Structure formats: structure tokens, C-alpha cells
Protein backbone atom coordinates (compact mmCIF):
# COMPACT_ATOMS: atom_id res chain seq x y z
CA MET A 1 -78.77 6.76 -70.64
CA SER A 2 -81.89 6.28 -68.50
CA TYR A 3 -83.48 9.43 -67.10
CA LYS A 4 -85.29 9.64 -63.76
CA VAL A 5 -88.50 11.68 -63.73
CA LEU A 6 -90.64 12.78 -60.80
CA LEU A 7 -94.37 12.86 -61.63
CA VAL A 8 -96.60 14.82 -59.24
CA GLU A 9 -100.19 14.24 -60.32
CA ASP A 10 -103.25 13.58 -58.16
CA ASP A 11 -105.44 12.05 -60.86
CA ALA A 12 -104.63 8.33 -60.80
CA THR A 13 -105.79 7.69 -64.38
CA THR A 14 -103.61 10.49 -65.77
CA ALA A 15 -100.66 9.43 -63.61
CA ASP A 16 -100.95 5.80 -64.75
CA TYR A 17 -101.17 6.91 -68.40
CA ILE A 18 -98.05 9.06 -68.15
CA THR A 19 -96.10 6.51 -66.12
CA LYS A 20 -96.85 3.69 -68.54
CA GLY A 21 -95.73 5.77 -71.50
CA LEU A 22 -92.53 6.97 -69.85
CA VAL A 23 -91.52 3.52 -68.64
CA GLU A 24 -92.06 2.16 -72.15
CA GLU A 25 -89.68 4.86 -73.39
CA GLY A 26 -87.00 3.79 -70.91
CA PHE A 27 -87.52 6.38 -68.17
CA THR A 28 -87.56 5.64 -64.44
CA VAL A 29 -90.53 7.30 -62.73
CA ASP A 30 -91.10 8.36 -59.10
CA ARG A 31 -94.66 9.39 -58.24
CA ALA A 32 -96.51 11.53 -55.74
CA ASP A 33 -100.24 12.30 -55.66
CA ASN A 34 -100.12 15.52 -53.64
CA GLY A 35 -98.00 18.64 -53.43
CA ARG A 36 -96.37 18.02 -50.08
CA ASP A 37 -95.18 14.52 -50.97
CA GLY A 38 -94.04 15.81 -54.35
CA LEU A 39 -91.96 18.52 -52.71
CA PHE A 40 -90.45 15.98 -50.30
CA LEU A 41 -89.44 13.63 -53.12
CA ALA A 42 -88.06 16.49 -55.19
CA THR A 43 -85.82 17.64 -52.34
CA GLU A 44 -84.79 14.20 -51.07
CA ALA A 45 -83.68 12.59 -54.34
CA ALA A 46 -82.12 13.80 -57.58
CA HIS A 47 -84.31 13.80 -60.68
CA ASP A 48 -83.56 14.78 -64.25
CA ALA A 49 -86.98 16.41 -64.71
CA ILE A 50 -90.25 16.98 -62.86
CA ILE A 51 -93.74 16.79 -64.36
CA LEU A 52 -95.92 18.83 -62.01
CA ASP A 53 -99.69 19.17 -61.99
CA ARG A 54 -100.85 22.72 -61.36
CA MET A 55 -103.83 21.90 -59.12
CA LEU A 56 -102.83 19.51 -56.32
CA PRO A 57 -104.23 18.69 -52.88
CA GLY A 58 -102.28 19.82 -49.85
CA MET A 59 -100.04 22.24 -51.72
CA ASP A 60 -100.67 23.44 -55.24
CA GLY A 61 -98.18 23.07 -58.06
CA MET A 62 -97.14 26.71 -58.15
CA ALA A 63 -96.37 26.64 -54.42
CA VAL A 64 -94.31 23.47 -54.90
CA LEU A 65 -92.43 25.10 -57.76
CA ALA A 66 -91.78 28.27 -55.74
CA ALA A 67 -90.45 26.20 -52.83
CA LEU A 68 -88.13 24.25 -55.13
CA ARG A 69 -86.69 27.36 -56.74
CA ALA A 70 -86.31 29.08 -53.35
CA ALA A 71 -84.32 26.07 -52.18
CA GLY A 72 -82.01 26.38 -55.16
CA ILE A 73 -83.29 23.24 -56.89
CA GLU A 74 -83.11 23.94 -60.61
CA THR A 75 -84.46 20.61 -61.90
CA PRO A 76 -86.37 21.27 -65.15
CA VAL A 77 -90.15 21.37 -64.56
CA ILE A 78 -93.07 20.88 -66.93
CA ILE A 79 -96.37 22.09 -65.52
CA LEU A 80 -99.54 20.25 -66.49
CA SER A 81 -102.73 22.21 -66.08
CA ALA A 82 -106.37 22.42 -67.09
CA LEU A 83 -105.90 26.21 -66.89
CA ALA A 84 -105.02 26.90 -70.49
CA THR A 85 -105.34 30.67 -70.94
CA ALA A 86 -102.36 32.74 -72.03
CA ASP A 87 -102.28 34.49 -68.64
CA GLU A 88 -102.05 31.17 -66.79
CA ARG A 89 -99.29 29.93 -69.07
CA VAL A 90 -97.35 33.13 -68.48
CA LYS A 91 -97.78 32.75 -64.71
CA GLY A 92 -96.45 29.21 -64.91
CA LEU A 93 -93.44 30.14 -67.00
CA THR A 94 -92.54 33.25 -65.03
CA GLY A 95 -93.04 31.28 -61.82
CA GLY A 96 -90.03 29.13 -62.63
CA SER A 97 -91.27 26.32 -64.85
CA ASP A 98 -89.45 25.33 -68.03
CA ASP A 99 -92.60 24.46 -69.97
CA TYR A 100 -96.37 24.52 -69.56
CA LEU A 101 -98.66 21.94 -71.15
CA ALA A 102 -102.44 22.32 -71.08
CA LYS A 103 -104.75 19.39 -70.40
CA PRO A 104 -105.94 17.37 -72.21
CA PHE A 105 -102.69 16.56 -74.00
CA ALA A 106 -101.23 13.85 -76.22
CA PHE A 107 -98.50 11.76 -74.61
CA ALA A 108 -96.35 12.20 -77.72
CA GLU A 109 -96.32 15.97 -77.16
CA LEU A 110 -95.45 15.59 -73.47
CA LEU A 111 -92.61 13.23 -74.40
CA ALA A 112 -91.27 15.64 -77.03
CA ARG A 113 -91.34 18.56 -74.58
CA LEU A 114 -89.67 16.44 -71.91
CA ARG A 115 -86.84 15.52 -74.25
CA ILE A 116 -86.38 19.16 -75.21
CA ILE A 117 -85.98 20.36 -71.62
CA LEU A 118 -83.60 17.48 -70.89
CA ARG A 119 -81.41 18.59 -73.79
CA ARG A 120 -81.59 22.18 -72.59
CA GLY A 121 -80.35 21.02 -69.22
CA GLY A 122 -77.08 20.03 -70.81
CA GLY A 123 -77.51 16.32 -70.35
CA GLN A 124 -77.28 13.80 -73.11
CA ALA A 125 -80.39 13.27 -75.19
CA PRO A 126 -82.20 10.05 -74.37
CA GLU A 127 -80.99 7.07 -76.35
CA THR A 128 -82.85 6.67 -79.61
CA ARG A 129 -81.16 3.47 -80.83
CA LEU A 130 -80.19 0.22 -79.16
CA SER A 131 -78.25 -2.62 -80.72
CA CYS A 132 -76.68 -6.02 -80.12
CA GLY A 133 -74.61 -7.42 -82.96
CA ASP A 134 -76.64 -6.96 -86.15
CA LEU A 135 -79.88 -6.44 -84.19
CA GLU A 136 -80.92 -2.78 -84.17
CA VAL A 137 -83.87 -1.03 -82.54
CA ASP A 138 -84.97 2.53 -83.34
CA LEU A 139 -86.78 3.72 -80.21
CA LEU A 140 -88.38 6.70 -81.93
CA SER A 141 -89.88 4.94 -84.94
CA ARG A 142 -90.14 1.66 -82.97
CA LYS A 143 -88.64 -0.19 -85.94
CA VAL A 144 -86.61 -3.34 -85.37
CA LYS A 145 -84.29 -5.04 -87.83
CA ARG A 146 -81.66 -7.72 -87.84
CA GLY A 147 -79.25 -7.08 -90.64
CA ALA A 148 -81.45 -6.20 -93.60
CA ARG A 149 -84.42 -8.13 -92.19
CA ALA A 150 -87.28 -6.13 -90.68
CA ILE A 151 -88.88 -7.59 -87.55
CA GLU A 152 -92.48 -6.85 -86.66
CA LEU A 153 -93.14 -6.87 -82.92
CA GLN A 154 -96.25 -6.49 -80.81
CA PRO A 155 -96.08 -3.71 -78.17
CA ARG A 156 -95.29 -6.09 -75.30
CA GLU A 157 -92.65 -7.87 -77.39
CA PHE A 158 -91.06 -4.51 -78.20
CA ARG A 159 -90.99 -3.56 -74.53
CA LEU A 160 -89.47 -6.94 -73.66
CA LEU A 161 -86.75 -6.59 -76.28
CA ASP A 162 -86.06 -3.03 -75.15
CA TYR A 163 -85.57 -4.27 -71.59
CA LEU A 164 -83.27 -7.11 -72.66
CA LEU A 165 -81.19 -4.73 -74.78
CA ARG A 166 -80.78 -2.27 -71.92
CA HIS A 167 -79.52 -5.17 -69.79
CA GLN A 168 -77.60 -6.99 -72.50
CA GLY A 169 -74.87 -9.24 -71.24
CA GLU A 170 -76.63 -9.53 -67.87
CA VAL A 171 -78.73 -12.42 -66.60
CA VAL A 172 -82.27 -11.04 -66.37
CA THR A 173 -84.42 -12.84 -63.82
CA ARG A 174 -88.13 -13.57 -63.91
CA THR A 175 -88.70 -11.03 -61.14
CA MET A 176 -86.83 -8.33 -63.08
CA LEU A 177 -88.97 -8.97 -66.16
CA LEU A 178 -92.23 -9.02 -64.21
CA GLU A 179 -91.42 -5.66 -62.63
CA GLY A 180 -89.65 -4.02 -65.56
CA VAL A 181 -91.86 -5.14 -68.45
CA TRP A 182 -95.21 -6.08 -66.92
CA ASP A 183 -95.08 -3.74 -63.92
CA TYR A 184 -96.07 -6.64 -61.66
CA HIS A 185 -94.67 -6.55 -58.14
CA PHE A 186 -95.79 -10.12 -57.53
CA ASP A 187 -95.57 -13.39 -59.43
CA PRO A 188 -98.97 -14.13 -61.02
CA GLY A 189 -97.96 -17.77 -61.30
CA THR A 190 -98.41 -18.02 -65.06
CA ASN A 191 -96.04 -18.78 -67.92
CA VAL A 192 -96.58 -15.34 -69.48
CA ILE A 193 -92.83 -14.63 -69.55
CA ASP A 194 -91.96 -17.97 -71.15
CA VAL A 195 -94.60 -17.46 -73.84
CA HIS A 196 -93.42 -13.96 -74.73
CA ILE A 197 -89.73 -14.91 -74.69
CA SER A 198 -90.50 -17.83 -76.99
CA ARG A 199 -92.38 -15.58 -79.45
CA LEU A 200 -89.67 -12.94 -79.35
CA ARG A 201 -86.93 -15.51 -79.88
CA ARG A 202 -88.67 -16.93 -82.97
CA LYS A 203 -88.73 -13.44 -84.48
CA VAL A 204 -85.24 -12.32 -83.48
CA ASP A 205 -83.32 -15.58 -83.93
CA GLU A 206 -84.34 -17.10 -87.23
CA GLU A 207 -82.82 -20.31 -88.55
CA GLY A 208 -79.24 -19.81 -89.72
CA GLU A 209 -78.67 -16.74 -87.52
CA SER A 210 -76.47 -16.73 -84.44
CA PRO A 211 -78.80 -16.81 -81.40
CA LEU A 212 -78.95 -13.64 -79.35
CA ILE A 213 -81.56 -14.60 -76.73
CA HIS A 214 -80.25 -17.26 -74.36
CA THR A 215 -81.97 -19.18 -71.58
CA ILE A 216 -79.84 -19.43 -68.45
CA ARG A 217 -81.19 -22.53 -66.73
CA GLY A 218 -82.46 -21.86 -63.24
CA ALA A 219 -81.65 -18.15 -63.46
CA GLY A 220 -83.41 -16.35 -66.32
CA TYR A 221 -82.44 -15.01 -69.73
CA ARG A 222 -79.59 -13.11 -71.31
CA LEU A 223 -79.33 -11.18 -74.56
CA SER A 224 -75.80 -11.24 -75.95
CA GLU A 225 -73.74 -12.26 -78.96
CA GLN A 226 -71.58 -14.61 -76.91
CA GLY A 227 -74.27 -16.84 -75.43
């Protein structure tokens, strides 16, 4: 199951850091860089969780949170804040947030807290394993194996395989891969996809094993047992 998260953060570097990490973990991310736009997105579309900066231009995070709760929107919220005192944390929690994380923070801690509030919300926990035939991927440990054979992947290769597994059985186009794996919304005109697919295929489909990664001429690629 893929979760949709709204990130409201005015610092572009922090927002990019969080977005990159969440997308690599299989989340879909909507973004706003000010409180008013964040409130609009939170009320206009359904999200599984909101990551909300405390100090925002236009409308601060606590005001956004108060408006959401007053409107009956109970989406779980994690507040991010440079205000780290116990009093500030208490204000955040009593103001309607589900968690409060002080800056600076490690992404791994944010991810763990996000997964906890998603479980609290009664939804299914994010997927931790993906598979196709005898190919298995552990998303938490980032370990990949085919049968008893361990496969070592570079970070981009892992992200590519993750994407193919989540779309297994479907024809995945070049545009889909550029946007979903490289976060490009334009074609850079290089063979970067072909190179990475070729490397991934050599690692996943060794000689004597049934191929799982298939090239669909003129269309893209497909990961499946059937071909």
C-alpha cells in the first residue's frame, strides 16, 4: 500500500531532503512552502499523514493545525520545529498534533515516527517486503535476494527495482521511470535508463535463471514471471 503524505515546509533544502527520502520509501508526497497553501492542500485532498513545520510564512504551523482540527480533519500530523523545549512540545501535542519532532532530526527517526502514527490511524502498515517469483526485497533492511542468492544493489538500482516491483506486470514507460525514479519531469536525452536497466538485469537475471526484467520494444519495460 502506498501512502500519501502532505509536507508543509518552507525551507527548500529540508523539504527536498524529506521528499527524497519518502519517495525512496514508496510514499507519494504533496508539498507546500507556506501555511496558507498547506491548509488549502490539506482541506482539498485526502492525505494519510501531514508533516507540518511549526514556523511558516503566511500562517504558522499551529494556526494551520488549529484550522484543520476545527474543520474536523483528523489526519495525523507530525510537527517539525526548531523550538525544542518541553513547553513547546507540550503546546504542539495539546494543540492537536500526533507527534512533535525537534530540528535537526535524522530522517530515519522521522520515518519511524511517521509509520507509527500511520499504524495508530488504523491503516495498514506500509509494505516492508516486495516480491516477484523467487525475487524478494526487504524494504526495511534494503536487502535483495533471488532464491538463496544475495544481490547487492547501488541506491539508484534499488530504487529502480522497487519501482518495477510496485508496477509488476505493467509496462513501465521511459517517462514513468524518469519521473518515478529520477524525479525528472523532462527527458534529459541520455541513455541513463538503458544503462541502469542493463546493470540491474545482469544482477537480477543471472544465467540459468528465468528472466524477470523484460524489454517491451517501443514501449518500455516490464517486471514479471511470465515475460
